[in-house]
Amino acid sequence: MFIEVDGVEKVFEVRKKTGFLKRERRQVRAVDTLSFTVARGEMVGYIGPNGAGKSTTIKMLTGILTPSAGRLRVAGIDPSRERTRLAHRIGVVFGQRTTLWWDLPLIDSYRLMHRMYRIPDARYAENLDRLVELLDLGALLDVPVRQLSLGQRMRGDIVAALLHDPDVLYLDEPTIGLDVISKARVREFLRELNVERGTTVLLTTHDLQDIEQLCSRVMVIDHGRLMYDGPLAGLHEVGESERTLVVDLERELPPIEAGGSARVVRVEGPRQWLAFPASESAAPLVARIAAEYPLVDLSVREPDIESVIATIYAERTTA
């Protein structure tokens, strides 16, 4: 296995003021006996509510944090003991924290990384040209990073993380701040990267469409523990989650007779909301409504992942 996490724990000591000169020490367990493996070339979604332990896990996998207990290996390397050696094998995009130099033009950040990682000149030029073209950054290379929008900077960070051909890529909210077209471009790029170079990807996100379109496997962490590990459809089944189809009709009509497992949950004038199991495709339902009703517009709303996780957690704690 390319990534091995075996019984890993991370405990932080927190000091809390309890009086004028008194402080109380307590321990916070951010990661609790966590175990999983990821094969080379897998694309895995790693999701959970805020504070679940996702970022702590990633920081231990990169060597930024040292586990309190357990064993970690990435490409056979202990991250906390050989962080410099591991740095040449991994790429990281940490959400809203950029790895780019704030006051320098984007291209200068890439030139610095060229030297830092000692990337051969020909390989650097080839990677830079390909990545810049795929992520549409050509017109922004001479723009200082501080002047880039969040979406532009996110794309810039993805390029920076991949210039040295890492074996594994850790992504934290890679499509945050991107418009629909840019999101599609980034997702397609990540798929190509995985297929062409076999790059292992561990993706944390709140956008379920990122997971659905990129990952065949999803892991759910909550309170530092692994709650689920399997396909996304299985997660929806376990959490009994539902999607919502929002239908705009030409005029106000009685509740739509959807049939099957779909049901109308709300009606406001010509707009109706239908709930259906998230593990089912929306296509048959949409086709049936389009054929039988005067349709103006419709959209599908994804389930709230935190609600799904809360349901799983409640079931585990009462079992």
Protein backbone atom coordinates (compact mmCIF):
# COMPACT_ATOMS: atom_id res chain seq x y z
CA MET A 1 0.00 0.00 0.00
CA PHE A 2 1.21 3.50 -0.84
CA ILE A 3 -0.26 5.22 2.23
CA GLU A 4 -0.50 3.29 5.52
CA VAL A 5 -2.16 4.66 8.64
CA ASP A 6 -2.20 2.18 11.53
CA GLY A 7 -3.80 3.03 14.89
CA VAL A 8 -2.76 6.68 14.65
CA GLU A 9 -3.68 9.13 17.40
CA LYS A 10 -3.03 12.83 17.82
CA VAL A 11 -3.61 14.46 21.20
CA PHE A 12 -3.16 18.18 21.81
CA GLU A 13 -2.70 19.69 25.25
CA VAL A 14 -4.85 22.78 25.68
CA ARG A 15 -4.54 25.31 28.49
CA LYS A 16 -7.71 27.06 29.58
CA LYS A 17 -7.84 30.04 31.95
CA THR A 18 -9.99 29.19 35.00
CA GLY A 19 -9.12 32.07 37.31
CA PHE A 20 -7.02 35.20 37.73
CA LEU A 21 -3.75 33.25 37.89
CA LYS A 22 -5.02 29.75 37.28
CA ARG A 23 -4.94 27.70 34.11
CA GLU A 24 -6.38 24.27 33.58
CA ARG A 25 -4.74 21.74 31.30
CA ARG A 26 -6.82 19.33 29.33
CA GLN A 27 -6.23 17.01 26.41
CA VAL A 28 -8.04 17.22 23.10
CA ARG A 29 -7.99 14.08 20.98
CA ALA A 30 -8.08 15.30 17.37
CA VAL A 31 -7.42 11.88 15.81
CA ASP A 32 -8.41 8.68 17.61
CA THR A 33 -7.01 5.22 16.67
CA LEU A 34 -7.30 5.94 12.95
CA SER A 35 -6.42 3.15 10.50
CA PHE A 36 -6.69 2.98 6.70
CA THR A 37 -4.61 2.25 3.61
CA VAL A 38 -4.56 3.85 0.17
CA ALA A 39 -3.16 2.05 -2.87
CA ARG A 40 -0.91 3.75 -5.40
CA GLY A 41 -3.01 5.56 -8.00
CA GLU A 42 -6.23 5.71 -5.96
CA MET A 43 -8.33 8.87 -5.77
CA VAL A 44 -9.96 8.94 -2.35
CA GLY A 45 -12.36 11.47 -0.86
CA TYR A 46 -11.63 12.22 2.80
CA ILE A 47 -14.59 14.08 4.23
CA GLY A 48 -16.26 15.07 7.47
CA PRO A 49 -17.64 18.07 9.37
CA ASN A 50 -15.44 20.94 10.50
CA GLY A 51 -13.24 19.89 13.41
CA ALA A 52 -13.49 16.19 12.54
CA GLY A 53 -9.70 15.71 12.26
CA LYS A 54 -9.23 15.89 8.49
CA SER A 55 -6.59 18.63 8.47
CA THR A 56 -4.77 17.05 11.42
CA THR A 57 -4.56 13.78 9.48
CA ILE A 58 -3.18 15.52 6.39
CA LYS A 59 -0.63 17.41 8.48
CA MET A 60 0.61 14.13 9.97
CA LEU A 61 0.80 12.56 6.50
CA THR A 62 2.97 15.46 5.32
CA GLY A 63 5.20 15.44 8.42
CA ILE A 64 4.03 18.83 9.73
CA LEU A 65 2.68 17.10 12.86
CA THR A 66 4.01 14.05 14.68
CA PRO A 67 1.49 11.38 15.77
CA SER A 68 1.01 10.86 19.51
CA ALA A 69 0.69 7.13 18.87
CA GLY A 70 0.44 4.68 15.98
CA ARG A 71 2.31 4.23 12.72
CA LEU A 72 2.35 6.24 9.47
CA ARG A 73 4.02 5.48 6.16
CA VAL A 74 3.80 7.33 2.83
CA ALA A 75 5.69 5.66 -0.02
CA GLY A 76 7.55 3.69 2.66
CA ILE A 77 8.68 6.90 4.38
CA ASP A 78 7.93 7.93 7.96
CA PRO A 79 6.70 11.53 7.41
CA SER A 80 7.76 12.95 10.77
CA ARG A 81 11.26 11.42 10.64
CA GLU A 82 12.09 12.09 6.98
CA ARG A 83 10.07 15.16 6.14
CA THR A 84 12.59 16.61 3.67
CA ARG A 85 12.85 13.35 1.75
CA LEU A 86 9.07 13.01 1.69
CA ALA A 87 8.62 16.58 0.41
CA HIS A 88 9.94 15.50 -2.99
CA ARG A 89 7.27 12.80 -3.22
CA ILE A 90 4.19 14.80 -2.25
CA GLY A 91 2.25 17.86 -3.37
CA VAL A 92 -0.08 19.79 -1.08
CA VAL A 93 -2.82 22.37 -1.61
CA PHE A 94 -4.10 23.58 1.76
CA GLY A 95 -7.37 25.33 1.01
CA GLN A 96 -7.09 29.01 1.81
CA ARG A 97 -3.40 28.86 2.77
CA THR A 98 -1.26 29.55 -0.23
CA THR A 99 2.23 28.22 -0.87
CA LEU A 100 2.87 31.10 -3.28
CA TRP A 101 4.90 34.21 -2.47
CA TRP A 102 2.37 36.96 -1.81
CA ASP A 103 4.19 39.96 -3.29
CA LEU A 104 5.84 38.23 -6.24
CA PRO A 105 4.42 37.59 -9.70
CA LEU A 106 3.06 34.07 -10.04
CA ILE A 107 5.87 33.00 -12.38
CA ASP A 108 8.50 33.98 -9.80
CA SER A 109 6.98 31.58 -7.28
CA TYR A 110 7.28 28.81 -9.85
CA ARG A 111 10.91 29.71 -10.59
CA LEU A 112 11.72 29.54 -6.89
CA MET A 113 10.11 26.11 -6.65
CA HIS A 114 12.07 25.03 -9.71
CA ARG A 115 15.26 25.66 -7.70
CA MET A 116 13.96 24.44 -4.35
CA TYR A 117 12.94 21.04 -5.69
CA ARG A 118 15.90 20.87 -8.09
CA ILE A 119 13.61 20.01 -10.99
CA PRO A 120 15.52 19.31 -14.22
CA ASP A 121 15.15 22.32 -16.55
CA ALA A 122 13.49 20.40 -19.39
CA ARG A 123 11.02 18.71 -17.05
CA TYR A 124 10.19 21.99 -15.31
CA ALA A 125 9.52 23.74 -18.63
CA GLU A 126 7.36 20.86 -19.87
CA ASN A 127 5.33 20.66 -16.64
CA LEU A 128 4.89 24.41 -16.40
CA ASP A 129 3.66 24.77 -19.97
CA ARG A 130 1.22 21.87 -19.64
CA LEU A 131 -0.16 22.88 -16.25
CA VAL A 132 -0.52 26.56 -17.12
CA GLU A 133 -2.39 25.70 -20.32
CA LEU A 134 -4.72 23.18 -18.66
CA LEU A 135 -5.59 25.52 -15.80
CA ASP A 136 -5.74 28.65 -18.00
CA LEU A 137 -3.12 30.70 -16.12
CA GLY A 138 -1.12 32.06 -19.07
CA ALA A 139 -2.43 35.62 -18.73
CA LEU A 140 -1.77 35.65 -14.97
CA LEU A 141 1.88 34.60 -14.77
CA ASP A 142 3.16 38.17 -14.38
CA VAL A 143 0.47 39.21 -11.90
CA PRO A 144 1.46 39.48 -8.20
CA VAL A 145 -0.20 36.75 -6.15
CA ARG A 146 -1.88 39.31 -3.87
CA GLN A 147 -3.86 40.60 -6.87
CA LEU A 148 -5.29 37.21 -7.84
CA SER A 149 -8.82 36.19 -6.96
CA LEU A 150 -9.32 33.20 -4.67
CA GLY A 151 -10.16 30.96 -7.61
CA GLN A 152 -7.13 32.12 -9.61
CA ARG A 153 -4.84 31.63 -6.64
CA MET A 154 -6.26 28.16 -6.04
CA ARG A 155 -5.40 27.18 -9.61
CA GLY A 156 -1.97 28.72 -9.10
CA ASP A 157 -1.45 26.62 -5.98
CA ILE A 158 -2.41 23.44 -7.84
CA VAL A 159 0.27 24.16 -10.46
CA ALA A 160 2.82 24.82 -7.71
CA ALA A 161 1.99 21.51 -6.02
CA LEU A 162 2.56 19.53 -9.22
CA LEU A 163 5.67 21.09 -10.78
CA HIS A 164 7.98 18.48 -9.21
CA ASP A 165 5.90 15.44 -10.31
CA PRO A 166 4.76 14.26 -6.85
CA ASP A 167 3.60 10.67 -6.36
CA VAL A 168 0.78 11.74 -4.05
CA LEU A 169 -1.31 14.90 -4.00
CA TYR A 170 -3.19 16.15 -0.93
CA LEU A 171 -5.99 18.54 -1.85
CA ASP A 172 -8.02 20.59 0.62
CA GLU A 173 -11.09 22.19 -1.03
CA PRO A 174 -9.45 22.44 -4.51
CA THR A 175 -12.52 23.95 -6.19
CA ILE A 176 -13.35 26.59 -3.56
CA GLY A 177 -13.98 29.99 -5.09
CA LEU A 178 -14.14 28.63 -8.64
CA ASP A 179 -16.97 29.25 -11.09
CA VAL A 180 -18.75 26.32 -12.74
CA ILE A 181 -16.50 26.28 -15.81
CA SER A 182 -13.30 26.47 -13.75
CA LYS A 183 -14.52 23.70 -11.45
CA ALA A 184 -15.14 21.46 -14.45
CA ARG A 185 -11.67 22.28 -15.82
CA VAL A 186 -9.94 21.46 -12.52
CA ARG A 187 -11.86 18.20 -12.11
CA GLU A 188 -11.03 17.12 -15.65
CA PHE A 189 -7.41 18.04 -15.08
CA LEU A 190 -7.25 15.94 -11.89
CA ARG A 191 -8.80 12.96 -13.69
CA GLU A 192 -6.21 13.22 -16.46
CA LEU A 193 -3.41 13.54 -13.93
CA ASN A 194 -4.55 10.40 -12.16
CA VAL A 195 -4.95 8.38 -15.36
CA GLU A 196 -1.82 9.55 -17.18
CA ARG A 197 0.65 9.65 -14.29
CA GLY A 198 -0.96 7.39 -11.71
CA THR A 199 -0.84 10.16 -9.11
CA THR A 200 -2.42 9.15 -5.81
CA VAL A 201 -4.94 11.77 -4.66
CA LEU A 202 -6.39 12.33 -1.20
CA LEU A 203 -9.14 14.93 -1.47
CA THR A 204 -10.90 16.78 1.33
CA THR A 205 -13.90 18.86 0.30
CA HIS A 206 -17.41 19.96 1.24
CA ASP A 207 -18.47 19.82 -2.41
CA LEU A 208 -19.95 16.37 -2.97
CA GLN A 209 -19.74 16.86 -6.73
CA ASP A 210 -15.94 16.84 -6.39
CA ILE A 211 -16.21 13.44 -4.74
CA GLU A 212 -18.80 12.07 -7.16
CA GLN A 213 -16.89 13.07 -10.26
CA LEU A 214 -13.39 12.18 -9.08
CA CYS A 215 -13.39 9.49 -6.40
CA SER A 216 -14.45 5.86 -6.48
CA ARG A 217 -13.94 5.65 -2.73
CA VAL A 218 -14.82 7.94 0.17
CA MET A 219 -13.75 7.91 3.80
CA VAL A 220 -15.74 9.76 6.45
CA ILE A 221 -14.06 10.92 9.65
CA ASP A 222 -15.84 12.38 12.67
CA HIS A 223 -14.49 13.12 16.14
CA GLY A 224 -11.15 11.76 14.92
CA ARG A 225 -12.52 8.33 14.08
CA LEU A 226 -13.17 6.65 10.74
CA MET A 227 -16.95 6.31 10.46
CA TYR A 228 -17.21 4.99 6.90
CA ASP A 229 -14.91 3.67 4.17
CA GLY A 230 -16.41 2.64 0.84
CA PRO A 231 -18.24 3.90 -2.29
CA LEU A 232 -20.22 7.16 -2.16
CA ALA A 233 -23.48 5.36 -2.98
CA GLY A 234 -22.95 3.21 0.08
CA LEU A 235 -22.46 6.32 2.20
CA HIS A 236 -25.82 7.67 1.09
CA GLU A 237 -27.46 4.34 1.85
CA VAL A 238 -25.95 4.15 5.33
CA GLY A 239 -26.86 7.76 6.08
CA GLU A 240 -30.28 7.44 4.41
CA SER A 241 -29.66 10.78 2.69
CA GLU A 242 -31.84 12.36 0.02
CA ARG A 243 -31.34 14.68 -2.93
CA THR A 244 -33.84 17.40 -3.73
CA LEU A 245 -35.18 18.05 -7.21
CA VAL A 246 -36.43 21.64 -7.53
CA VAL A 247 -38.96 21.87 -10.36
CA ASP A 248 -40.27 25.14 -11.88
CA LEU A 249 -43.49 24.61 -13.83
CA GLU A 250 -45.22 26.97 -16.26
CA ARG A 251 -48.12 27.41 -13.85
CA GLU A 252 -49.30 26.37 -10.42
CA LEU A 253 -50.40 22.72 -10.38
CA PRO A 254 -51.28 20.05 -7.79
CA PRO A 255 -48.31 18.14 -6.31
CA ILE A 256 -46.40 16.17 -8.93
CA GLU A 257 -47.13 12.45 -8.97
CA ALA A 258 -43.51 11.34 -9.20
CA GLY A 259 -43.94 7.64 -8.47
CA GLY A 260 -41.29 5.30 -7.15
CA SER A 261 -39.36 6.49 -4.10
CA ALA A 262 -39.66 10.22 -4.91
CA ARG A 263 -42.14 12.41 -3.06
CA VAL A 264 -43.17 16.06 -3.06
CA VAL A 265 -42.01 17.76 0.16
CA ARG A 266 -42.90 21.37 -0.60
CA VAL A 267 -45.01 23.45 -3.01
CA GLU A 268 -44.87 27.22 -3.53
CA GLY A 269 -46.88 28.41 -6.54
CA PRO A 270 -45.42 26.89 -9.71
CA ARG A 271 -42.29 25.68 -7.87
CA GLN A 272 -42.19 22.21 -6.28
CA TRP A 273 -39.54 20.38 -4.28
CA LEU A 274 -39.23 16.60 -4.59
CA ALA A 275 -37.06 14.41 -2.37
CA PHE A 276 -35.56 11.13 -3.59
CA PRO A 277 -32.82 8.78 -2.29
CA ALA A 278 -29.33 10.16 -2.96
CA SER A 279 -28.16 6.68 -3.95
CA GLU A 280 -30.52 6.77 -6.98
CA SER A 281 -29.96 8.52 -10.30
CA ALA A 282 -32.02 11.64 -10.95
CA ALA A 283 -32.29 10.90 -14.68
CA PRO A 284 -35.45 8.70 -14.68
CA LEU A 285 -37.28 11.15 -12.39
CA VAL A 286 -36.30 14.14 -14.53
CA ALA A 287 -37.31 12.35 -17.74
CA ARG A 288 -40.71 11.43 -16.32
CA ILE A 289 -41.47 14.97 -15.14
CA ALA A 290 -40.28 16.52 -18.41
CA ALA A 291 -42.56 14.18 -20.39
CA GLU A 292 -45.69 14.69 -18.26
CA TYR A 293 -45.55 18.27 -16.95
CA PRO A 294 -45.12 21.79 -18.47
CA LEU A 295 -41.53 22.23 -17.33
CA VAL A 296 -39.66 25.57 -17.29
CA ASP A 297 -36.54 24.70 -15.30
CA LEU A 298 -35.19 22.28 -12.73
CA SER A 299 -32.13 21.74 -10.59
CA VAL A 300 -30.79 19.04 -8.28
CA ARG A 301 -29.62 19.94 -4.80
CA GLU A 302 -27.13 17.65 -3.11
CA PRO A 303 -27.68 16.35 0.44
CA ASP A 304 -26.01 18.07 3.35
CA ILE A 305 -22.95 15.89 4.02
CA GLU A 306 -22.86 16.95 7.67
CA SER A 307 -26.41 15.66 8.12
CA VAL A 308 -25.41 12.34 6.55
CA ILE A 309 -22.45 12.05 8.89
CA ALA A 310 -24.56 13.03 11.90
CA THR A 311 -26.98 10.20 11.05
CA ILE A 312 -24.14 7.69 10.79
CA TYR A 313 -22.62 8.92 14.05
CA ALA A 314 -25.98 8.70 15.87
CA GLU A 315 -26.48 5.14 14.64
CA ARG A 316 -22.98 4.12 15.77
CA THR A 317 -23.35 5.61 19.24
CA THR A 318 -26.76 4.01 19.87
CA ALA A 319 -25.81 0.63 18.45
